[in-house]
Structures are given as C-alpha cells and as structure tokens.
Protein backbone atom coordinates (compact mmCIF):
# COMPACT_ATOMS: atom_id res chain seq x y z
CA MET A 1 61.02 128.70 90.51
CA GLN A 2 59.82 131.21 87.93
CA PHE A 3 62.73 130.56 85.57
CA SER A 4 62.58 126.78 85.85
CA LEU A 5 58.85 126.79 85.12
CA TYR A 6 59.46 128.83 82.00
CA GLY A 7 62.05 126.33 80.78
CA LEU A 8 60.02 123.20 81.58
CA PRO A 9 57.85 123.20 78.39
CA GLN A 10 61.04 122.99 76.35
CA PHE A 11 61.63 119.52 77.81
CA ALA A 12 58.60 118.07 76.03
CA ILE A 13 59.09 120.13 72.88
CA SER A 14 62.77 119.17 72.55
CA THR A 15 61.92 115.51 73.08
CA THR A 16 59.58 115.74 70.11
CA GLU A 17 61.81 117.89 67.92
CA VAL A 18 64.96 115.80 68.43
CA PHE A 19 63.09 112.56 67.84
CA LEU A 20 61.68 113.91 64.58
CA ARG A 21 65.04 115.23 63.44
CA LEU A 22 66.61 111.83 63.96
CA HIS A 23 63.80 109.49 62.98
CA LEU A 24 61.27 111.22 60.73
CA VAL A 25 63.17 110.28 57.58
CA VAL A 26 63.57 106.75 58.98
CA TYR A 27 59.81 106.57 59.53
CA LEU A 28 59.07 107.81 56.02
CA THR A 29 61.43 105.32 54.39
CA LYS A 30 61.11 102.18 56.51
CA ILE A 31 57.47 102.41 57.58
CA VAL A 32 55.71 104.49 54.93
CA GLY A 33 57.86 103.13 52.11
CA LEU A 34 59.13 106.32 50.49
CA SER A 35 62.54 106.41 48.87
CA GLY A 36 65.37 108.21 50.63
CA THR A 37 65.23 111.01 48.08
CA GLN A 38 61.47 111.44 48.50
CA ALA A 39 61.70 111.43 52.29
CA GLY A 40 64.59 113.90 52.38
CA ALA A 41 62.87 116.19 49.91
CA MET A 42 59.63 116.06 51.89
CA VAL A 43 61.27 117.04 55.18
CA SER A 44 63.46 119.73 53.61
CA ALA A 45 60.51 121.19 51.70
CA SER A 46 58.42 121.32 54.87
CA LEU A 47 61.16 123.32 56.59
CA ILE A 48 61.52 125.72 53.67
CA VAL A 49 57.80 126.26 53.12
CA SER A 50 57.03 126.62 56.82
CA SER A 51 59.74 129.26 57.18
CA ILE A 52 57.61 131.55 55.00
CA PHE A 53 54.96 131.54 57.73
CA ASP A 54 57.35 132.42 60.58
CA PRO A 55 57.37 136.23 60.21
CA PHE A 56 53.57 136.18 59.88
CA ILE A 57 53.33 134.15 63.08
CA GLY A 58 55.56 136.65 64.84
CA HIS A 59 53.70 139.65 63.42
CA TYR A 60 50.21 138.47 64.30
CA SER A 61 51.19 137.25 67.76
CA ASP A 62 52.61 140.76 68.30
CA LEU A 63 49.24 142.17 67.23
CA MET A 64 47.46 139.82 69.63
CA LYS A 65 49.66 141.07 72.43
CA GLU A 66 48.90 144.67 71.51
CA LYS A 67 45.14 144.24 71.16
CA LEU A 68 44.33 141.61 73.79
CA GLY A 69 47.17 142.25 76.19
CA GLN A 70 48.30 138.61 76.26
CA VAL A 71 49.76 136.01 73.95
CA LYS A 72 49.54 132.87 76.09
CA PRO A 73 46.29 131.69 74.41
CA PHE A 74 48.20 131.72 71.12
CA ILE A 75 50.86 129.45 72.66
CA MET A 76 48.31 127.08 74.19
CA GLY A 77 46.48 126.77 70.86
CA SER A 78 49.72 125.88 69.10
CA LEU A 79 50.36 123.07 71.60
CA LEU A 80 46.98 121.60 70.75
CA SER A 81 47.59 121.71 67.00
CA LEU A 82 51.11 120.36 67.51
CA SER A 83 49.75 117.32 69.33
CA ILE A 84 47.08 116.72 66.69
CA PHE A 85 49.59 116.75 63.84
CA ILE A 86 51.93 114.35 65.67
CA ILE A 87 49.05 111.90 66.12
CA LEU A 88 47.99 112.22 62.49
CA ILE A 89 51.55 111.65 61.26
CA PHE A 90 52.41 108.57 63.31
CA ILE A 91 49.17 106.79 64.19
CA PRO A 92 47.56 105.99 60.78
CA ASP A 93 49.06 103.44 58.40
CA TRP A 94 50.29 105.61 55.54
CA ILE A 95 51.21 104.35 52.08
CA PRO A 96 53.55 105.98 49.53
CA SER A 97 50.69 107.16 47.29
CA GLU A 98 49.43 109.36 50.15
CA ARG A 99 52.67 111.32 50.35
CA VAL A 100 51.04 114.65 49.42
CA LEU A 101 48.67 114.45 52.38
CA LEU A 102 51.52 113.31 54.59
CA PHE A 103 53.59 116.30 53.46
CA ILE A 104 50.73 118.62 54.42
CA LEU A 105 50.64 117.06 57.90
CA ILE A 106 54.41 117.43 58.33
CA LEU A 107 54.13 121.03 57.15
CA GLY A 108 51.34 121.54 59.68
CA TYR A 109 53.62 120.20 62.40
CA GLN A 110 56.40 122.60 61.40
CA ILE A 111 54.05 125.59 61.40
CA SER A 112 52.56 124.54 64.76
CA TYR A 113 56.04 124.17 66.22
CA SER A 114 56.92 127.70 65.12
CA SER A 115 53.58 128.96 66.44
CA PHE A 116 54.61 127.66 69.84
CA LEU A 117 58.28 128.58 69.81
CA ILE A 118 58.13 132.17 68.52
CA PRO A 119 55.76 133.66 71.13
CA TYR A 120 57.22 131.34 73.78
CA LEU A 121 60.68 132.81 73.25
CA ALA A 122 59.29 136.33 73.20
CA LEU A 123 57.32 135.69 76.40
CA ALA A 124 60.61 135.48 78.27
CA LYS A 125 61.02 139.23 77.86
CA GLU A 126 57.86 139.69 79.93
CA LEU A 127 59.17 137.59 82.83
CA ILE A 128 62.49 139.21 83.65
CA LYS A 129 62.93 141.68 86.48
CA SER A 130 66.41 142.76 85.42
CA GLU A 131 68.31 142.49 82.16
CA GLU A 132 70.72 139.97 83.68
CA ASP A 133 67.81 137.59 84.30
CA ILE A 134 67.33 136.87 80.60
CA VAL A 135 70.57 134.87 80.54
CA THR A 136 69.38 132.63 83.37
CA LEU A 137 65.91 132.31 81.88
CA TYR A 138 67.11 131.07 78.50
CA ALA A 139 69.72 128.88 80.19
CA TRP A 140 66.92 127.03 81.99
CA ARG A 141 65.24 126.58 78.63
CA TYR A 142 68.41 125.08 77.18
CA PHE A 143 68.89 122.90 80.26
CA PHE A 144 65.44 121.33 80.03
CA GLY A 145 65.77 121.19 76.26
CA SER A 146 68.97 119.18 76.57
CA ILE A 147 67.30 116.70 78.91
CA GLY A 148 64.43 116.46 76.44
CA ALA A 149 66.93 115.84 73.66
CA MET A 150 68.34 112.86 75.53
CA VAL A 151 64.82 111.50 76.03
CA GLY A 152 64.10 112.03 72.34
CA VAL A 153 67.17 110.03 71.42
CA SER A 154 65.98 107.21 73.70
CA LEU A 155 62.33 107.06 72.55
CA PRO A 156 62.90 104.32 69.93
CA PHE A 157 63.08 101.76 72.77
CA LEU A 158 59.27 101.94 72.77
CA GLY A 159 59.35 100.46 69.30
CA GLU A 160 61.20 97.46 70.69
CA LEU A 161 58.60 97.03 73.44
CA PHE A 162 55.72 97.25 70.94
CA PRO A 163 57.20 96.00 67.65
CA ALA A 164 53.83 95.49 65.96
CA LYS A 165 52.80 99.12 66.48
CA ASN A 166 55.58 100.72 64.40
CA PHE A 167 55.98 104.38 65.43
CA ALA A 168 52.59 104.76 67.13
CA PRO A 169 53.95 104.32 70.71
CA MET A 170 56.56 107.01 70.11
CA GLY A 171 53.92 109.36 68.73
CA LEU A 172 51.65 108.83 71.72
CA ALA A 173 54.58 109.27 74.12
CA MET A 174 55.49 112.62 72.56
CA VAL A 175 51.91 113.86 72.78
CA ALA A 176 51.66 112.67 76.39
CA LEU A 177 54.81 114.60 77.34
CA ILE A 178 53.54 117.75 75.64
CA ILE A 179 50.16 117.57 77.39
CA LEU A 180 51.70 116.69 80.75
CA PHE A 181 54.47 119.28 80.97
CA ALA A 182 53.88 122.25 78.67
CA PRO A 183 50.36 123.47 79.59
CA THR A 184 50.94 122.79 83.29
CA ALA A 185 54.06 124.94 83.43
CA LEU A 186 52.67 127.69 81.22
CA SER A 187 49.47 127.90 83.25
CA ARG A 188 51.56 128.80 86.31
CA ILE A 189 52.93 131.83 84.49
CA LYS A 190 50.50 134.62 85.15
CA GLU A 191 50.72 136.83 82.11
CA LYS A 192 49.55 140.29 83.03
CA VAL A 193 46.77 141.42 80.72
CA GLN A 194 47.97 144.84 79.67
CA LYS A 195 47.21 146.35 76.31
CA ARG A 196 50.08 148.33 74.93
CA LYS A 197 49.67 152.06 74.77
CA ILE A 198 51.65 152.94 71.70
CA GLU A 199 51.31 156.49 70.44
CA ARG A 200 51.29 155.53 66.77
CA GLN A 201 49.67 152.62 65.04
CA SER A 202 51.62 149.42 64.65
CA THR A 203 53.49 149.29 61.37
CA LYS A 204 52.60 146.78 58.70
CA LEU A 205 54.47 143.53 58.41
CA PHE A 206 56.67 144.30 55.41
CA GLN A 207 57.47 147.76 56.69
CA SER A 208 58.48 146.22 60.01
CA LEU A 209 60.70 143.70 58.20
CA LEU A 210 62.35 146.51 56.25
CA HIS A 211 63.07 148.41 59.45
CA LEU A 212 64.45 145.26 61.03
CA PHE A 213 66.96 144.43 58.31
CA LYS A 214 68.02 148.06 58.04
CA ASN A 215 69.12 147.70 61.64
CA ASN A 216 72.83 146.90 61.26
CA VAL A 217 73.05 145.52 64.78
CA PHE A 218 70.35 142.96 64.03
CA SER A 219 71.64 142.17 60.53
CA GLY A 220 75.16 141.51 61.81
CA TYR A 221 73.99 139.15 64.53
CA TYR A 222 71.56 137.50 62.11
CA ALA A 223 74.45 136.78 59.74
CA THR A 224 76.49 135.40 62.63
CA PHE A 225 73.70 133.09 63.73
CA THR A 226 72.94 131.91 60.20
CA ILE A 227 76.52 130.95 59.40
CA LEU A 228 77.00 129.40 62.83
CA SER A 229 73.81 127.34 62.41
CA ILE A 230 74.95 126.03 59.03
CA GLY A 231 78.23 124.93 60.58
CA LEU A 232 76.51 123.29 63.53
CA GLY A 233 74.08 121.60 61.15
CA VAL A 234 76.98 120.11 59.21
CA ASN A 235 78.61 119.09 62.49
CA GLN A 236 75.50 117.36 63.83
CA THR A 237 74.82 115.53 60.57
CA LEU A 238 78.39 114.26 60.19
CA ALA A 239 79.03 113.44 63.86
CA VAL A 240 77.96 109.79 63.75
CA TYR A 241 79.90 109.22 60.51
CA TYR A 242 83.00 110.82 62.03
CA TYR A 243 82.94 108.56 65.06
CA GLN A 244 81.94 105.35 63.32
CA ASN A 245 83.66 105.70 59.94
CA GLY A 246 86.49 108.01 60.89
CA LEU A 247 87.40 106.72 64.34
CA LYS A 248 86.07 103.15 63.92
CA LEU A 249 83.78 103.27 66.95
CA THR A 250 80.83 100.93 67.32
CA GLU A 251 77.27 102.20 67.50
CA GLY A 252 77.18 101.56 71.24
CA GLU A 253 80.47 103.37 71.83
CA THR A 254 79.20 106.30 69.79
CA SER A 255 75.98 106.49 71.81
CA ILE A 256 77.89 106.51 75.09
CA LEU A 257 80.24 109.18 73.77
CA LEU A 258 77.38 111.42 72.67
CA GLY A 259 75.65 110.85 76.01
CA VAL A 260 78.76 112.02 77.87
CA TYR A 261 78.94 115.03 75.58
CA MET A 262 75.33 115.99 76.35
CA LEU A 263 75.93 115.68 80.09
CA ILE A 264 79.00 117.93 79.88
CA PHE A 265 77.03 120.36 77.73
CA CYS A 266 74.23 120.59 80.33
CA ALA A 267 76.70 120.96 83.19
CA SER A 268 78.51 123.81 81.43
CA ILE A 269 75.42 125.99 81.01
CA PRO A 270 75.42 127.40 84.59
CA ILE A 271 79.11 128.23 84.19
CA TRP A 272 78.46 130.28 81.07
CA VAL A 273 75.47 131.97 82.71
CA LYS A 274 77.62 133.15 85.63
CA PHE A 275 80.41 134.22 83.30
CA ALA A 276 78.02 136.20 81.09
CA GLN A 277 76.42 137.91 84.07
CA LYS A 278 79.80 139.00 85.42
CA LYS A 279 81.78 139.70 82.24
CA GLY A 280 79.03 140.30 79.68
CA LYS A 281 77.35 138.26 76.97
CA LYS A 282 79.49 139.68 74.17
CA LEU A 283 82.75 138.56 75.76
CA ALA A 284 81.32 135.17 76.70
CA LEU A 285 80.05 134.49 73.17
CA THR A 286 83.31 135.68 71.63
CA LEU A 287 85.36 133.41 73.88
CA GLY A 288 83.10 130.45 73.18
CA LEU A 289 83.03 130.93 69.40
CA VAL A 290 86.80 131.33 69.09
CA THR A 291 87.44 128.28 71.27
CA MET A 292 84.96 126.20 69.27
CA CYS A 293 86.90 127.15 66.14
CA CYS A 294 90.12 125.90 67.68
CA VAL A 295 88.51 122.67 68.87
CA THR A 296 87.33 121.75 65.37
CA LEU A 297 90.93 121.86 64.14
CA ILE A 298 91.82 119.04 66.55
CA TYR A 299 89.26 116.52 65.27
CA PRO A 300 91.24 115.42 62.17
CA PHE A 301 94.23 114.47 64.33
CA ILE A 302 92.45 112.19 66.83
CA PRO A 303 93.76 108.62 66.30
CA SER A 304 91.22 105.87 65.71
CA ARG A 305 89.90 104.33 68.93
CA ASN A 306 92.12 106.47 71.15
CA PHE A 307 89.56 106.90 73.91
CA VAL A 308 91.78 108.99 76.20
CA ALA A 309 92.29 111.65 73.55
CA LEU A 310 88.71 111.39 72.34
CA TYR A 311 87.03 111.77 75.73
CA SER A 312 89.40 114.59 76.65
CA LEU A 313 88.34 116.42 73.51
CA ILE A 314 84.67 115.64 74.10
CA VAL A 315 84.79 117.12 77.60
CA PHE A 316 86.52 120.24 76.31
CA ALA A 317 84.12 120.57 73.37
CA GLY A 318 81.08 120.00 75.58
CA VAL A 319 82.10 122.79 77.94
CA PHE A 320 82.57 125.37 75.21
CA THR A 321 79.60 124.30 73.11
CA GLY A 322 77.49 125.27 76.11
CA ILE A 323 77.95 128.82 74.88
CA VAL A 324 75.01 128.31 72.52
CA ALA A 325 72.76 128.73 75.57
CA LEU A 326 73.59 132.44 75.37
CA ILE A 327 72.54 132.92 71.75
CA ASP A 328 68.89 133.70 72.45
CA SER A 329 69.71 135.88 75.45
CA TYR A 330 72.02 138.02 73.30
CA LEU A 331 69.22 138.32 70.77
CA SER A 332 67.22 139.78 73.65
CA ASN A 333 69.74 142.64 73.73
CA ILE A 334 69.21 143.18 70.02
CA ILE A 335 65.43 143.25 70.53
CA ASP A 336 65.81 146.01 73.12
CA PHE A 337 67.98 148.01 70.73
CA HIS A 338 65.42 147.64 67.94
CA THR A 339 62.64 148.68 70.33
CA TYR A 340 64.66 151.78 71.19
CA LYS A 341 65.28 152.63 67.52
CA GLN A 342 61.71 152.05 66.26
CA SER A 343 59.67 152.82 69.40
CA GLU A 344 57.74 149.57 68.93
CA LYS A 345 57.69 146.22 70.64
CA LYS A 346 58.29 143.59 67.98
CA ALA A 347 59.80 140.69 69.92
CA ASN A 348 57.52 138.08 68.35
CA LEU A 349 58.24 139.30 64.83
CA ILE A 350 61.99 139.26 65.47
CA PHE A 351 61.85 135.71 66.80
CA GLY A 352 59.78 134.79 63.73
CA VAL A 353 62.48 136.13 61.43
CA TRP A 354 65.02 134.34 63.61
CA ARG A 355 63.22 131.05 62.99
CA ILE A 356 63.59 131.52 59.22
CA SER A 357 67.35 131.50 59.61
CA ASP A 358 67.20 128.51 61.95
CA LYS A 359 65.19 126.42 59.49
CA LEU A 360 66.92 127.40 56.26
CA SER A 361 70.41 127.13 57.71
CA ARG A 362 69.57 123.69 59.12
CA ALA A 363 68.29 122.57 55.72
CA LEU A 364 71.40 123.97 54.02
CA GLY A 365 73.66 122.36 56.61
CA ILE A 366 72.07 118.97 55.96
CA TYR A 367 72.45 119.47 52.21
CA ILE A 368 76.13 120.42 52.54
CA ALA A 369 76.72 117.43 54.81
CA GLY A 370 75.16 115.18 52.17
CA ILE A 371 77.60 116.49 49.57
CA ILE A 372 80.49 115.90 51.97
CA LEU A 373 79.35 112.33 52.57
CA ASP A 374 79.25 111.68 48.82
CA TYR A 375 82.85 112.86 48.53
CA THR A 376 84.14 111.03 51.60
CA VAL A 377 82.26 108.11 53.15
CA TYR A 378 80.51 106.99 49.96
CA ASN A 379 83.47 107.54 47.63
CA SER A 380 86.20 104.97 48.19
CA GLN A 381 88.51 106.67 45.69
CA SER A 382 88.31 110.12 47.25
CA SER A 383 91.44 111.72 48.65
CA TYR A 384 89.31 113.47 51.29
CA SER A 385 88.41 111.82 54.60
CA ILE A 386 85.42 112.29 56.86
CA LYS A 387 87.85 113.29 59.62
CA ASP A 388 89.18 116.20 57.56
CA ALA A 389 85.70 117.33 56.54
CA PHE A 390 84.37 117.10 60.10
CA GLY A 391 87.23 119.25 61.33
CA TYR A 392 88.23 121.72 58.64
CA GLY A 393 84.82 121.97 56.97
CA VAL A 394 83.03 122.95 60.17
CA PHE A 395 85.95 125.21 61.12
CA LEU A 396 85.36 127.45 58.10
CA PHE A 397 81.77 128.18 59.13
CA LEU A 398 82.65 128.79 62.77
CA LEU A 399 85.54 131.04 61.78
CA ALA A 400 83.32 133.16 59.53
CA ALA A 401 80.67 133.44 62.26
CA SER A 402 83.29 134.42 64.84
CA ILE A 403 84.79 137.13 62.65
CA ILE A 404 81.41 138.69 61.83
CA PHE A 405 80.40 138.65 65.48
CA MET A 406 83.64 140.21 66.71
CA LEU A 407 83.32 143.00 64.14
CA GLN A 408 79.99 144.06 65.64
CA LYS A 409 80.45 147.15 67.80
CA TYR A 410 77.29 146.74 69.86
CA ASN A 411 78.11 145.30 73.28
CA ASP A 412 76.77 144.99 76.81
CA GLN A 413 77.69 148.56 77.72
CA HIS A 414 75.71 149.88 74.76
CA HIS A 415 72.77 147.73 75.83
CA LYS A 416 72.82 149.14 79.36
CA LYS A 417 72.74 152.62 77.88
CA VAL A 418 69.73 151.69 75.71
CA ILE A 419 67.84 150.38 78.74
CA ARG A 420 68.69 153.50 80.70
CA ILE A 421 67.36 155.75 77.92
CA LEU A 422 64.16 153.72 77.61
CA LYS A 423 63.57 153.94 81.35
CA GLN A 424 63.95 157.70 81.26
CA LYS A 425 62.14 158.59 78.03
CA ASN A 426 59.70 155.80 77.20
CA PRO A 427 59.26 153.27 80.02
CA ASP A 428 56.13 151.82 78.37
CA LEU A 429 58.40 150.18 75.81
CA LEU A 430 60.30 148.22 78.42
CA TYR A 431 59.43 144.56 78.81
CA LYS A 432 58.15 144.10 82.35
CA ALA A 433 58.29 141.09 84.60
CA GLU A 434 55.15 139.19 85.47
CA GLU A 435 54.47 137.25 88.61
CA LEU A 436 53.70 133.58 88.99
CA GLU A 437 50.71 132.28 90.78
CA PRO A 438 51.61 131.04 94.26
C-alpha cells in the first residue's frame, strides 16, 4: 500500500509529460501558428534554461528539509504552479507575436515540473524500511508512470470530441488528473517532521556540486545515464519513422505495436525488481544494458511488414527495456555512498543534478535524431536508411553506456558495506522510513 501510494502521483505527472512531449510542438505550430523551427527552438530552449534551475531546486529543498524537517509542502506547491502553467499555456488563444510570453509560461512549466520531481524522487529515501525496498518503490513509480504515458498518448481523442476548443480540453484533463491523484496520494504519506542534526553547517551549493562531481562513483554513473539517455532519446524520436517509413506500417499498426510494447514493458518491471533484489542491481542493469545493445543490432534486418518477426522483437525488447525501472534505484545507492563520503544528506541536490542530464541529453537526442532524419527520411538520394540509423546509431550510444557502467567498481556488496558503516558510526545520516496514515 505504501509503495503504490508513492507511485500514484507519477500517473498524473506522466500523463502530462508524455502528452507535452508528443504534442506541445504540434500545438505551437498548428494552433498558435509558429513555424516548426520556432516551436522546436522554444521547447528546446525551455529545457536548456530550466536545467540551470535544477541544482538550485535540489539545494534549497534540501535546506527546507534540514530547517523545517519536511519537504512535502515544497512538492505540493509545485503541483499548484504546475497546474496553473498548464492552464495558462493551453486555455488562452495565443498568437505568434506573443511567443515570448508563451516561452516564459513553458519555461515556468518546466521549472515547476522539476520542482515536483526532484524532491518527490528524494522523498522515496525517507519511505524505505530496508535498502531492498527502494527497488520496489521506484518500480511502482515506473509502473504508474507507464500507465500515465499510455493515457497521455490517448488524450488527443478529447480534441475530436470538442473540435472547436482546440487543446483546451486536454489541458483541463491534465490539470484534473494532477489535482485528483497527486495531492490525494501524497497526503497519505505521513512525512515525519524531524530536523536534521548535522554537526557542521550545510555546505554551500557550488561547494556541494564540486564534492559531488569529485565523487568518481557518481561521475561514472552520471556519464552512463547521460549517454544512455541520449541514445534512448534518439530511439524514441525515430521510432515512428522506423516503423512507418522503414517497415511500411500504417499509423494504426504503429499505434497498436507501440501499445503492445508498453504493456510488455509494464509487465516486465516486477520481473526485474525480483531479479535485482535477489542478484543485485548492478548485475541486473548490466544484463539489461548489454541485451538492449544486442537488440538494437537486429532492427536493421527486420523485413518490411513481417509481423511475426516484428512482434517477436517487440516482446523481447519490451522485456529488457524494463530495466530502466532500476536506474533511479541504483542512483539511490550512489546517494548513500555520497552521504557516507561527505557526511551530509544531499539527495535533493543529487536528483537536481540528475535532472540536468535528463533534460540536456533529451534535447541533444532530439537534435541528433533531426540530423539523422535529414540524412535518411528527408533525403531521397542518401545511401543511409532509417532502419540502419535506428539500429546502429542507437547501438553506439547503448554500447558506450554499457562499457562505462561495467567499468565502475562500485557494486551492491560495496553498498551494503556503506550502509553497515553508517549504521554503526553515524546512524543520523541514514534515510529512515516513515509511516502512512491508516
């Protein structure tokens, strides 16, 4: 019950985030009237600029936790601002000349989203009763997030029901889901008000960042995640083009295929959770990353409209892509190691820095995918095909991420030793579980 309640807010947030990823540029071009270049630049710039705020969000939410003993008010406030910005983006009738104001609103949405996500991810550390629980906790988040993603993909049907209202029904639906699910679930989590008793004063932001990136364990995993995210960003951007242009599928066939993939992905998460709890997160992530590399090499060889081969590959890919549900839980291990090294709790700051990589790598992945499209789909004289790019191009990123990750010496046994030392020498630095209201 506790873990599922923690994951439930991600349902509404993922619905919103996936819808915006897929349709914000469409809204800006078809409804507002911006050019494709203007719309793409606006969204990319909002990601880049908002990433500057992420470490500050993490740092000051850490300070709130230290001084007030709780961070949940910070999360609740971000949900309110998130809803306001969604309404302001989609409800008014914008015109191209108001693009500066519209950019500010989109930037506000991005900052509000980070203001929710960073302390929300860090809050998980306060809810676990054993270190193995963090895998299950984040898996629930991914599970509800995946369901939300499917809802986000389906939201445009509201536009067909209310054609005269443009994107307003979708905007109101997203806000309704946020208000209905997120505060209700979070309110059931009873965050224990406990001010941290740290012997020395909390370090300043830039000093904390310096300590963080001097931590080789964190830097190695950060590099792994960044490269992996770029590869996945390229994969997600090119997927529809691969299926429709490369394999000659219709839009309906592509939607069904992606729906099956998402179902397999969701179903695989509990399998990876059990595997990680028994064999360790490091082994599970290594196995998943290496297998994902191998899978990408198969994509160029799938014959057009060969549904037996295609669905077989989709099932296999969906199972092993479920490994991404362990990414945040492994970061939890890194947070414990950094806490041990620096004698400070900086989970919110670390998740803030993590968000920078997520945003910038996504923007870079989209940019690289655009270049690939210019050389393949939109260049009839090119000797390169979208099938080759979708396979071999993504493979290079996944291979690099896998190699960097496997070279990292820190593993689950090291993490258990860190927890044991903290329990013995400085138990105040351990993240403690909180109880839910009955």
